[in-house]
């Protein structure tokens, strides 16, 4: 019985010769094609998950490549920062153009100690009471 089974299996497997374009395993993915499909979404501020959903690309494939390939990971991070860079440039151009509101907004966020208009409340760990913290005075 053992011999008969081997004979039936053998012709099927031996008919495939190596080098004839027949390979086993999963098909290869074209990661560059996937990257090109998610790129416009990443540049518009989408998360990786959202970009993959919008572009119909498997998120797990992108995540695996990010973990394995540092260059690919850097390309993804660069694409994600595109919108942030454009926003920073717009603020800079507005300030250079004399937009006082943009300048005030920027100073409130980047130089809080000096220009913040808000007072923040913090709870003291030792006394258990709420203490008013004014960044301009401390």
C-alpha atoms as a PDB file:
ATOM      1  CA  UNK A   1       0.000   0.000   0.000  1.00  0.00           C
ATOM      2  CA  UNK A   2       2.837   2.348   0.815  1.00  0.00           C
ATOM      3  CA  UNK A   3       4.428   1.790  -2.596  1.00  0.00           C
ATOM      4  CA  UNK A   4       1.207   2.422  -4.456  1.00  0.00           C
ATOM      5  CA  UNK A   5       0.733   5.776  -2.710  1.00  0.00           C
ATOM      6  CA  UNK A   6       4.238   6.853  -3.619  1.00  0.00           C
ATOM      7  CA  UNK A   7       3.707   6.019  -7.232  1.00  0.00           C
ATOM      8  CA  UNK A   8       0.576   8.147  -7.445  1.00  0.00           C
ATOM      9  CA  UNK A   9       2.164  11.143  -5.786  1.00  0.00           C
ATOM     10  CA  UNK A  10       5.471  10.904  -7.601  1.00  0.00           C
ATOM     11  CA  UNK A  11       4.271  11.625 -11.172  1.00  0.00           C
ATOM     12  CA  UNK A  12       2.384  14.719 -10.026  1.00  0.00           C
ATOM     13  CA  UNK A  13       5.321  16.274  -8.232  1.00  0.00           C
ATOM     14  CA  UNK A  14       7.985  15.238 -10.692  1.00  0.00           C
ATOM     15  CA  UNK A  15       6.142  16.788 -13.634  1.00  0.00           C
ATOM     16  CA  UNK A  16       7.076  20.237 -12.334  1.00  0.00           C
ATOM     17  CA  UNK A  17      10.674  20.887 -13.162  1.00  0.00           C
ATOM     18  CA  UNK A  18      12.581  23.691 -11.549  1.00  0.00           C
ATOM     19  CA  UNK A  19      13.239  26.710 -13.701  1.00  0.00           C
ATOM     20  CA  UNK A  20       9.934  26.535 -15.583  1.00  0.00           C
ATOM     21  CA  UNK A  21       8.394  29.460 -13.715  1.00  0.00           C
ATOM     22  CA  UNK A  22       6.559  27.312 -11.227  1.00  0.00           C
ATOM     23  CA  UNK A  23       7.266  28.273  -7.644  1.00  0.00           C
ATOM     24  CA  UNK A  24       5.624  27.443  -4.406  1.00  0.00           C
ATOM     25  CA  UNK A  25       4.514  29.647  -1.544  1.00  0.00           C
ATOM     26  CA  UNK A  26       2.720  32.950  -1.450  1.00  0.00           C
ATOM     27  CA  UNK A  27       2.853  35.272  -4.427  1.00  0.00           C
ATOM     28  CA  UNK A  28       5.255  38.194  -4.106  1.00  0.00           C
ATOM     29  CA  UNK A  29       3.756  41.600  -3.380  1.00  0.00           C
ATOM     30  CA  UNK A  30       4.819  44.683  -5.238  1.00  0.00           C
ATOM     31  CA  UNK A  31       5.398  46.929  -2.217  1.00  0.00           C
ATOM     32  CA  UNK A  32       6.262  49.910  -4.429  1.00  0.00           C
ATOM     33  CA  UNK A  33       2.858  49.664  -6.079  1.00  0.00           C
ATOM     34  CA  UNK A  34       1.203  49.576  -2.650  1.00  0.00           C
ATOM     35  CA  UNK A  35       3.282  52.566  -1.547  1.00  0.00           C
ATOM     36  CA  UNK A  36       2.238  54.560  -4.625  1.00  0.00           C
ATOM     37  CA  UNK A  37      -1.400  53.762  -3.876  1.00  0.00           C
ATOM     38  CA  UNK A  38      -1.285  54.950  -0.240  1.00  0.00           C
ATOM     39  CA  UNK A  39       1.077  57.911  -0.824  1.00  0.00           C
ATOM     40  CA  UNK A  40      -1.584  60.511  -1.791  1.00  0.00           C
ATOM     41  CA  UNK A  41      -3.590  59.671   1.316  1.00  0.00           C
ATOM     42  CA  UNK A  42      -0.583  59.865   3.642  1.00  0.00           C
ATOM     43  CA  UNK A  43       0.295  63.248   2.137  1.00  0.00           C
ATOM     44  CA  UNK A  44      -3.228  64.476   2.953  1.00  0.00           C
ATOM     45  CA  UNK A  45      -2.828  63.616   6.614  1.00  0.00           C
ATOM     46  CA  UNK A  46      -4.416  60.155   6.718  1.00  0.00           C
ATOM     47  CA  UNK A  47      -3.097  57.654   9.239  1.00  0.00           C
ATOM     48  CA  UNK A  48      -1.471  54.517   7.858  1.00  0.00           C
ATOM     49  CA  UNK A  49      -4.610  52.573   8.718  1.00  0.00           C
ATOM     50  CA  UNK A  50      -6.861  55.121   6.988  1.00  0.00           C
ATOM     51  CA  UNK A  51      -4.606  55.351   3.935  1.00  0.00           C
ATOM     52  CA  UNK A  52      -4.568  51.570   3.561  1.00  0.00           C
ATOM     53  CA  UNK A  53      -8.365  51.417   3.831  1.00  0.00           C
ATOM     54  CA  UNK A  54      -8.829  54.228   1.312  1.00  0.00           C
ATOM     55  CA  UNK A  55      -6.348  52.717  -1.172  1.00  0.00           C
ATOM     56  CA  UNK A  56      -7.545  49.128  -0.650  1.00  0.00           C
ATOM     57  CA  UNK A  57      -4.101  47.959   0.457  1.00  0.00           C
ATOM     58  CA  UNK A  58      -3.582  45.332   3.190  1.00  0.00           C
ATOM     59  CA  UNK A  59      -2.484  47.173   6.335  1.00  0.00           C
ATOM     60  CA  UNK A  60      -0.644  44.111   7.597  1.00  0.00           C
ATOM     61  CA  UNK A  61       1.574  44.082   4.503  1.00  0.00           C
ATOM     62  CA  UNK A  62       2.510  47.735   4.981  1.00  0.00           C
ATOM     63  CA  UNK A  63       3.099  47.201   8.724  1.00  0.00           C
ATOM     64  CA  UNK A  64       5.330  44.181   8.038  1.00  0.00           C
ATOM     65  CA  UNK A  65       7.428  46.154   5.557  1.00  0.00           C
ATOM     66  CA  UNK A  66       7.736  49.093   7.951  1.00  0.00           C
ATOM     67  CA  UNK A  67       9.127  46.733  10.599  1.00  0.00           C
ATOM     68  CA  UNK A  68      11.508  44.974   8.192  1.00  0.00           C
ATOM     69  CA  UNK A  69      12.754  47.778   5.955  1.00  0.00           C
ATOM     70  CA  UNK A  70      14.184  50.977   7.451  1.00  0.00           C
ATOM     71  CA  UNK A  71      14.206  52.793   4.097  1.00  0.00           C
ATOM     72  CA  UNK A  72      10.544  51.965   3.511  1.00  0.00           C
ATOM     73  CA  UNK A  73       9.719  53.103   7.054  1.00  0.00           C
ATOM     74  CA  UNK A  74      11.518  56.408   6.418  1.00  0.00           C
ATOM     75  CA  UNK A  75       9.573  56.927   3.172  1.00  0.00           C
ATOM     76  CA  UNK A  76       6.300  56.400   5.033  1.00  0.00           C
ATOM     77  CA  UNK A  77       7.287  58.858   7.790  1.00  0.00           C
ATOM     78  CA  UNK A  78       8.351  61.429   5.204  1.00  0.00           C
ATOM     79  CA  UNK A  79       5.025  61.110   3.389  1.00  0.00           C
ATOM     80  CA  UNK A  80       3.126  61.474   6.673  1.00  0.00           C
ATOM     81  CA  UNK A  81       4.958  64.735   7.478  1.00  0.00           C
ATOM     82  CA  UNK A  82       4.122  66.400   4.136  1.00  0.00           C
ATOM     83  CA  UNK A  83       0.970  68.096   5.418  1.00  0.00           C
ATOM     84  CA  UNK A  84       2.699  69.224   8.619  1.00  0.00           C
ATOM     85  CA  UNK A  85       5.489  70.824   6.582  1.00  0.00           C
ATOM     86  CA  UNK A  86       2.990  72.617   4.337  1.00  0.00           C
ATOM     87  CA  UNK A  87       1.107  73.925   7.373  1.00  0.00           C
ATOM     88  CA  UNK A  88       4.326  75.186   8.972  1.00  0.00           C
ATOM     89  CA  UNK A  89       5.305  76.889   5.717  1.00  0.00           C
ATOM     90  CA  UNK A  90       1.893  78.581   5.472  1.00  0.00           C
ATOM     91  CA  UNK A  91       2.226  79.920   9.009  1.00  0.00           C
ATOM     92  CA  UNK A  92       5.759  81.163   8.288  1.00  0.00           C
ATOM     93  CA  UNK A  93       4.660  82.883   5.065  1.00  0.00           C
ATOM     94  CA  UNK A  94       1.725  84.499   6.877  1.00  0.00           C
ATOM     95  CA  UNK A  95       3.981  85.823   9.622  1.00  0.00           C
ATOM     96  CA  UNK A  96       6.540  87.067   7.067  1.00  0.00           C
ATOM     97  CA  UNK A  97       3.675  88.787   5.233  1.00  0.00           C
ATOM     98  CA  UNK A  98       2.768  90.734   8.371  1.00  0.00           C
ATOM     99  CA  UNK A  99      -0.187  88.684   9.658  1.00  0.00           C
ATOM    100  CA  UNK A 100      -0.288  89.725  13.320  1.00  0.00           C
ATOM    101  CA  UNK A 101      -2.878  87.100  14.304  1.00  0.00           C
ATOM    102  CA  UNK A 102      -0.713  84.312  12.896  1.00  0.00           C
ATOM    103  CA  UNK A 103       2.302  85.711  14.742  1.00  0.00           C
ATOM    104  CA  UNK A 104       0.380  85.870  18.021  1.00  0.00           C
ATOM    105  CA  UNK A 105      -0.962  82.333  17.524  1.00  0.00           C
ATOM    106  CA  UNK A 106       2.535  81.008  16.856  1.00  0.00           C
ATOM    107  CA  UNK A 107       4.078  82.802  19.839  1.00  0.00           C
ATOM    108  CA  UNK A 108       1.346  81.519  22.191  1.00  0.00           C
ATOM    109  CA  UNK A 109       2.171  77.952  21.221  1.00  0.00           C
ATOM    110  CA  UNK A 110       5.926  78.052  20.764  1.00  0.00           C
ATOM    111  CA  UNK A 111       6.905  80.517  23.493  1.00  0.00           C
ATOM    112  CA  UNK A 112       4.313  79.645  26.138  1.00  0.00           C
ATOM    113  CA  UNK A 113       6.330  80.850  29.095  1.00  0.00           C
ATOM    114  CA  UNK A 114       6.482  84.341  27.683  1.00  0.00           C
ATOM    115  CA  UNK A 115       3.338  84.770  25.546  1.00  0.00           C
ATOM    116  CA  UNK A 116       0.651  82.392  26.806  1.00  0.00           C
ATOM    117  CA  UNK A 117      -2.663  84.063  27.599  1.00  0.00           C
ATOM    118  CA  UNK A 118      -3.967  81.032  29.474  1.00  0.00           C
ATOM    119  CA  UNK A 119      -3.496  80.072  33.059  1.00  0.00           C
ATOM    120  CA  UNK A 120      -3.240  76.381  33.790  1.00  0.00           C
ATOM    121  CA  UNK A 121      -4.299  74.561  36.921  1.00  0.00           C
ATOM    122  CA  UNK A 122      -2.202  71.852  38.454  1.00  0.00           C
ATOM    123  CA  UNK A 123      -2.796  69.720  41.512  1.00  0.00           C
ATOM    124  CA  UNK A 124      -0.010  69.688  44.057  1.00  0.00           C
ATOM    125  CA  UNK A 125       0.984  66.115  44.887  1.00  0.00           C
ATOM    126  CA  UNK A 126       2.052  66.873  48.445  1.00  0.00           C
ATOM    127  CA  UNK A 127      -0.719  69.110  49.720  1.00  0.00           C
ATOM    128  CA  UNK A 128      -3.682  67.708  47.761  1.00  0.00           C
ATOM    129  CA  UNK A 129      -4.944  71.147  46.796  1.00  0.00           C
ATOM    130  CA  UNK A 130      -5.321  72.892  43.462  1.00  0.00           C
ATOM    131  CA  UNK A 131      -2.714  75.547  42.802  1.00  0.00           C
ATOM    132  CA  UNK A 132      -3.020  78.206  40.135  1.00  0.00           C
ATOM    133  CA  UNK A 133      -0.006  78.087  37.830  1.00  0.00           C
ATOM    134  CA  UNK A 134       0.661  81.122  35.705  1.00  0.00           C
ATOM    135  CA  UNK A 135       3.444  80.453  33.159  1.00  0.00           C
ATOM    136  CA  UNK A 136       4.226  84.191  32.946  1.00  0.00           C
ATOM    137  CA  UNK A 137       5.120  84.429  36.642  1.00  0.00           C
ATOM    138  CA  UNK A 138       7.075  81.181  37.067  1.00  0.00           C
END
